[in-house]
Amino acid sequence: MAPFTCRYVYLELQELSAHLLEIADEEPVGPGTTRLAMAATAMYMADQLTEGNALTQTQVVGAASTMVKMTTSRLSMYFQELHDVYVTRYRSDVLDAVLKWSRSRLR
């Protein structure tokens, strides 16, 4: 992958995961869950929604577990809750609407 493409993918993941974390703040996703656990979930979901799929649940749990109690079952549960809210909000699990929003912010 070319350096420009890598930077763009990284920015896209960062923007999308930040947006997903905002959604988790606005909606009742994982009430009582630490922000770091939701941030890890948002990053994993952003990766799964984009074409990258570079992160595994094990990697995300391993990274988050250094600071907060996290398991793959918790990540799966938070992921499903966040995914459901995302689908309700955008009426689809297709990324187009959010990517347009994200790309307009990058310009």
N, C-alpha and C. Protein backbone atom coordinates (compact mmCIF):
# COMPACT_ATOMS: atom_id res chain seq x y z
N MET A 1 0.85 -1.17 0.00
CA MET A 1 0.00 0.00 0.00
C MET A 1 0.89 1.24 0.00
N ALA A 2 0.59 2.20 -0.83
CA ALA A 2 1.37 3.42 -0.94
C ALA A 2 1.24 4.26 0.33
N PRO A 3 2.28 5.04 0.68
CA PRO A 3 2.23 5.85 1.90
C PRO A 3 1.01 6.77 1.97
N PHE A 4 0.65 7.40 0.85
CA PHE A 4 -0.51 8.28 0.86
C PHE A 4 -1.77 7.50 1.20
N THR A 5 -1.92 6.32 0.61
CA THR A 5 -3.08 5.48 0.86
C THR A 5 -3.14 5.07 2.32
N CYS A 6 -2.00 4.71 2.89
CA CYS A 6 -1.94 4.33 4.31
C CYS A 6 -2.39 5.48 5.20
N ARG A 7 -1.89 6.68 4.92
CA ARG A 7 -2.27 7.85 5.73
C ARG A 7 -3.76 8.12 5.60
N TYR A 8 -4.28 8.00 4.38
CA TYR A 8 -5.70 8.26 4.16
C TYR A 8 -6.56 7.24 4.90
N VAL A 9 -6.17 5.97 4.83
CA VAL A 9 -6.91 4.92 5.53
C VAL A 9 -6.86 5.17 7.03
N TYR A 10 -5.69 5.55 7.54
CA TYR A 10 -5.57 5.83 8.97
C TYR A 10 -6.48 6.99 9.37
N LEU A 11 -6.48 8.08 8.58
CA LEU A 11 -7.34 9.22 8.89
C LEU A 11 -8.81 8.84 8.81
N GLU A 12 -9.15 8.02 7.84
CA GLU A 12 -10.53 7.57 7.71
C GLU A 12 -10.94 6.75 8.93
N LEU A 13 -10.09 5.84 9.36
CA LEU A 13 -10.39 5.05 10.56
C LEU A 13 -10.51 5.94 11.79
N GLN A 14 -9.61 6.88 11.92
CA GLN A 14 -9.64 7.78 13.07
C GLN A 14 -10.92 8.61 13.07
N GLU A 15 -11.27 9.18 11.93
CA GLU A 15 -12.47 10.00 11.84
C GLU A 15 -13.73 9.17 12.09
N LEU A 16 -13.80 8.01 11.49
CA LEU A 16 -14.97 7.16 11.65
C LEU A 16 -15.09 6.66 13.09
N SER A 17 -13.99 6.25 13.69
CA SER A 17 -14.07 5.76 15.07
C SER A 17 -14.45 6.91 16.02
N ALA A 18 -13.97 8.12 15.76
CA ALA A 18 -14.36 9.28 16.58
C ALA A 18 -15.87 9.53 16.44
N HIS A 19 -16.36 9.42 15.22
CA HIS A 19 -17.80 9.61 14.99
C HIS A 19 -18.61 8.52 15.69
N LEU A 20 -18.16 7.28 15.62
CA LEU A 20 -18.85 6.18 16.29
C LEU A 20 -18.83 6.38 17.81
N LEU A 21 -17.75 6.91 18.34
CA LEU A 21 -17.67 7.19 19.77
C LEU A 21 -18.66 8.30 20.15
N GLU A 22 -18.82 9.29 19.27
CA GLU A 22 -19.82 10.34 19.50
C GLU A 22 -21.23 9.73 19.54
N ILE A 23 -21.49 8.80 18.62
CA ILE A 23 -22.79 8.12 18.62
C ILE A 23 -22.99 7.38 19.93
N ALA A 24 -21.96 6.70 20.40
CA ALA A 24 -22.05 5.96 21.67
C ALA A 24 -22.29 6.91 22.84
N ASP A 25 -21.77 8.13 22.75
CA ASP A 25 -22.01 9.12 23.80
C ASP A 25 -23.46 9.63 23.77
N GLU A 26 -24.01 9.74 22.57
CA GLU A 26 -25.36 10.30 22.41
C GLU A 26 -26.46 9.27 22.67
N GLU A 27 -26.20 8.04 22.39
CA GLU A 27 -27.20 6.97 22.51
C GLU A 27 -26.84 6.07 23.70
N PRO A 28 -27.81 5.32 24.19
CA PRO A 28 -27.52 4.43 25.32
C PRO A 28 -26.76 3.17 24.89
N VAL A 29 -25.50 3.35 24.55
CA VAL A 29 -24.66 2.22 24.16
C VAL A 29 -23.73 1.90 25.31
N GLY A 30 -23.81 0.69 25.82
CA GLY A 30 -22.93 0.28 26.91
C GLY A 30 -22.99 1.19 28.12
N PRO A 31 -24.19 1.46 28.66
CA PRO A 31 -24.26 2.35 29.83
C PRO A 31 -23.38 1.83 30.97
N GLY A 32 -22.62 2.73 31.54
CA GLY A 32 -21.71 2.37 32.62
C GLY A 32 -20.37 1.85 32.14
N THR A 33 -20.21 1.74 30.84
CA THR A 33 -18.97 1.23 30.26
C THR A 33 -17.94 2.36 30.22
N THR A 34 -16.69 2.01 30.47
CA THR A 34 -15.66 3.03 30.43
C THR A 34 -15.52 3.58 29.01
N ARG A 35 -15.11 4.82 28.92
CA ARG A 35 -14.94 5.46 27.62
C ARG A 35 -13.86 4.75 26.81
N LEU A 36 -12.84 4.26 27.46
CA LEU A 36 -11.77 3.55 26.76
C LEU A 36 -12.30 2.26 26.12
N ALA A 37 -13.17 1.55 26.83
CA ALA A 37 -13.76 0.33 26.27
C ALA A 37 -14.62 0.68 25.05
N MET A 38 -15.38 1.77 25.13
CA MET A 38 -16.19 2.18 23.98
C MET A 38 -15.30 2.69 22.85
N ALA A 39 -14.20 3.35 23.17
CA ALA A 39 -13.28 3.81 22.13
C ALA A 39 -12.68 2.61 21.39
N ALA A 40 -12.32 1.59 22.13
CA ALA A 40 -11.78 0.37 21.51
C ALA A 40 -12.83 -0.27 20.62
N THR A 41 -14.07 -0.30 21.09
CA THR A 41 -15.17 -0.86 20.30
C THR A 41 -15.39 -0.04 19.03
N ALA A 42 -15.36 1.28 19.17
CA ALA A 42 -15.55 2.16 18.02
C ALA A 42 -14.44 1.96 16.99
N MET A 43 -13.21 1.80 17.45
CA MET A 43 -12.10 1.58 16.53
C MET A 43 -12.26 0.24 15.81
N TYR A 44 -12.65 -0.78 16.55
CA TYR A 44 -12.85 -2.09 15.93
C TYR A 44 -13.99 -2.03 14.92
N MET A 45 -15.08 -1.35 15.28
CA MET A 45 -16.22 -1.26 14.35
C MET A 45 -15.84 -0.45 13.11
N ALA A 46 -15.08 0.63 13.29
CA ALA A 46 -14.63 1.41 12.13
C ALA A 46 -13.80 0.54 11.20
N ASP A 47 -12.94 -0.25 11.77
CA ASP A 47 -12.11 -1.14 10.96
C ASP A 47 -12.97 -2.16 10.22
N GLN A 48 -13.99 -2.69 10.87
CA GLN A 48 -14.86 -3.68 10.24
C GLN A 48 -15.75 -3.07 9.16
N LEU A 49 -16.12 -1.80 9.33
CA LEU A 49 -16.97 -1.14 8.34
C LEU A 49 -16.21 -0.71 7.10
N THR A 50 -14.92 -0.50 7.25
CA THR A 50 -14.11 -0.11 6.09
C THR A 50 -13.54 -1.37 5.45
N GLU A 51 -12.86 -1.19 4.36
CA GLU A 51 -12.32 -2.33 3.63
C GLU A 51 -11.05 -2.89 4.27
N GLY A 52 -10.50 -2.19 5.24
CA GLY A 52 -9.23 -2.61 5.81
C GLY A 52 -9.27 -3.93 6.54
N ASN A 53 -10.18 -4.09 7.49
CA ASN A 53 -10.25 -5.28 8.33
C ASN A 53 -8.86 -5.69 8.82
N ALA A 54 -8.13 -4.72 9.32
CA ALA A 54 -6.77 -4.96 9.76
C ALA A 54 -6.70 -5.42 11.22
N LEU A 55 -7.75 -5.17 11.98
CA LEU A 55 -7.74 -5.49 13.41
C LEU A 55 -8.57 -6.72 13.71
N THR A 56 -8.06 -7.53 14.60
CA THR A 56 -8.84 -8.67 15.10
C THR A 56 -9.39 -8.31 16.47
N GLN A 57 -10.41 -9.02 16.89
CA GLN A 57 -10.95 -8.81 18.24
C GLN A 57 -9.86 -9.02 19.28
N THR A 58 -9.05 -10.03 19.09
CA THR A 58 -7.98 -10.34 20.04
C THR A 58 -7.00 -9.17 20.15
N GLN A 59 -6.64 -8.56 19.04
CA GLN A 59 -5.72 -7.42 19.07
C GLN A 59 -6.33 -6.24 19.81
N VAL A 60 -7.60 -5.96 19.53
CA VAL A 60 -8.27 -4.83 20.18
C VAL A 60 -8.40 -5.08 21.67
N VAL A 61 -8.82 -6.27 22.04
CA VAL A 61 -8.95 -6.62 23.46
C VAL A 61 -7.59 -6.56 24.15
N GLY A 62 -6.56 -7.08 23.50
CA GLY A 62 -5.21 -7.03 24.07
C GLY A 62 -4.74 -5.61 24.33
N ALA A 63 -4.98 -4.72 23.37
CA ALA A 63 -4.56 -3.32 23.54
C ALA A 63 -5.38 -2.64 24.63
N ALA A 64 -6.69 -2.82 24.62
CA ALA A 64 -7.55 -2.16 25.60
C ALA A 64 -7.33 -2.72 27.00
N SER A 65 -7.03 -4.01 27.09
CA SER A 65 -6.87 -4.67 28.39
C SER A 65 -5.69 -4.16 29.20
N THR A 66 -4.77 -3.47 28.55
CA THR A 66 -3.65 -2.91 29.31
C THR A 66 -4.11 -1.76 30.20
N MET A 67 -5.33 -1.22 29.93
CA MET A 67 -5.81 -0.08 30.70
C MET A 67 -7.19 -0.29 31.33
N VAL A 68 -7.96 -1.21 30.79
CA VAL A 68 -9.33 -1.41 31.29
C VAL A 68 -9.69 -2.89 31.12
N LYS A 69 -10.57 -3.39 31.99
CA LYS A 69 -10.97 -4.79 31.89
C LYS A 69 -11.79 -4.97 30.61
N MET A 70 -11.30 -5.82 29.73
CA MET A 70 -11.95 -6.04 28.43
C MET A 70 -11.77 -7.48 28.04
N THR A 71 -12.82 -8.06 27.48
CA THR A 71 -12.78 -9.43 26.97
C THR A 71 -13.38 -9.44 25.58
N THR A 72 -13.16 -10.51 24.84
CA THR A 72 -13.74 -10.58 23.50
C THR A 72 -15.27 -10.63 23.59
N SER A 73 -15.81 -11.24 24.63
CA SER A 73 -17.27 -11.27 24.75
C SER A 73 -17.83 -9.88 25.03
N ARG A 74 -17.13 -9.10 25.83
CA ARG A 74 -17.56 -7.71 26.05
C ARG A 74 -17.46 -6.90 24.77
N LEU A 75 -16.35 -7.05 24.07
CA LEU A 75 -16.18 -6.33 22.80
C LEU A 75 -17.30 -6.70 21.84
N SER A 76 -17.63 -7.97 21.75
CA SER A 76 -18.72 -8.41 20.86
C SER A 76 -20.05 -7.80 21.28
N MET A 77 -20.30 -7.76 22.57
CA MET A 77 -21.56 -7.20 23.07
C MET A 77 -21.65 -5.70 22.77
N TYR A 78 -20.57 -4.96 23.08
CA TYR A 78 -20.56 -3.52 22.81
C TYR A 78 -20.63 -3.26 21.31
N PHE A 79 -19.94 -4.08 20.53
CA PHE A 79 -19.95 -3.95 19.08
C PHE A 79 -21.38 -4.09 18.56
N GLN A 80 -22.10 -5.11 19.03
CA GLN A 80 -23.47 -5.34 18.56
C GLN A 80 -24.37 -4.17 18.94
N GLU A 81 -24.23 -3.66 20.17
CA GLU A 81 -25.04 -2.52 20.60
C GLU A 81 -24.75 -1.30 19.73
N LEU A 82 -23.48 -1.01 19.51
CA LEU A 82 -23.10 0.14 18.69
C LEU A 82 -23.55 -0.05 17.25
N HIS A 83 -23.40 -1.27 16.74
CA HIS A 83 -23.85 -1.57 15.38
C HIS A 83 -25.35 -1.35 15.24
N ASP A 84 -26.13 -1.80 16.22
CA ASP A 84 -27.58 -1.62 16.17
C ASP A 84 -27.97 -0.14 16.16
N VAL A 85 -27.31 0.66 16.97
CA VAL A 85 -27.58 2.10 17.00
C VAL A 85 -27.19 2.73 15.66
N TYR A 86 -26.06 2.32 15.13
CA TYR A 86 -25.58 2.82 13.83
C TYR A 86 -26.60 2.51 12.74
N VAL A 87 -27.09 1.27 12.69
CA VAL A 87 -28.06 0.87 11.67
C VAL A 87 -29.37 1.64 11.84
N THR A 88 -29.80 1.84 13.07
CA THR A 88 -31.01 2.61 13.33
C THR A 88 -30.85 4.05 12.84
N ARG A 89 -29.71 4.63 13.13
CA ARG A 89 -29.47 6.03 12.76
C ARG A 89 -29.36 6.20 11.25
N TYR A 90 -28.62 5.34 10.58
CA TYR A 90 -28.36 5.50 9.14
C TYR A 90 -29.21 4.57 8.27
N ARG A 91 -30.08 3.79 8.91
CA ARG A 91 -30.98 2.87 8.21
C ARG A 91 -30.24 1.88 7.32
N SER A 92 -29.02 1.61 7.66
CA SER A 92 -28.20 0.69 6.86
C SER A 92 -26.89 0.45 7.60
N ASP A 93 -26.24 -0.65 7.26
CA ASP A 93 -24.89 -0.81 7.79
C ASP A 93 -23.87 -0.53 6.69
N VAL A 94 -24.33 0.11 5.63
CA VAL A 94 -23.44 0.56 4.57
C VAL A 94 -22.78 1.85 5.03
N LEU A 95 -21.55 1.99 4.72
CA LEU A 95 -20.74 3.07 5.25
C LEU A 95 -20.86 4.39 4.49
N ASP A 96 -21.50 4.43 3.36
CA ASP A 96 -21.48 5.60 2.48
C ASP A 96 -21.80 6.93 3.17
N ALA A 97 -22.88 6.98 3.93
CA ALA A 97 -23.29 8.24 4.55
C ALA A 97 -22.23 8.76 5.52
N VAL A 98 -21.69 7.89 6.32
CA VAL A 98 -20.68 8.32 7.29
C VAL A 98 -19.37 8.67 6.60
N LEU A 99 -19.00 7.92 5.57
CA LEU A 99 -17.76 8.24 4.86
C LEU A 99 -17.85 9.58 4.15
N LYS A 100 -19.01 9.91 3.59
CA LYS A 100 -19.18 11.23 2.98
C LYS A 100 -19.01 12.32 4.03
N TRP A 101 -19.60 12.10 5.21
CA TRP A 101 -19.46 13.05 6.30
C TRP A 101 -17.99 13.17 6.71
N SER A 102 -17.33 12.04 6.85
CA SER A 102 -15.94 12.02 7.27
C SER A 102 -15.03 12.69 6.23
N ARG A 103 -15.22 12.35 4.97
CA ARG A 103 -14.37 12.92 3.91
C ARG A 103 -14.58 14.41 3.81
N SER A 104 -15.79 14.89 4.03
CA SER A 104 -16.02 16.34 3.97
C SER A 104 -15.29 17.04 5.10
N ARG A 105 -15.10 16.38 6.23
CA ARG A 105 -14.34 16.95 7.35
C ARG A 105 -12.84 16.95 7.08
N LEU A 106 -12.36 15.99 6.27
CA LEU A 106 -10.93 15.90 5.98
C LEU A 106 -10.49 16.96 4.97
N ARG A 107 -11.41 17.50 4.21
CA ARG A 107 -11.05 18.47 3.17
C ARG A 107 -10.85 19.84 3.72
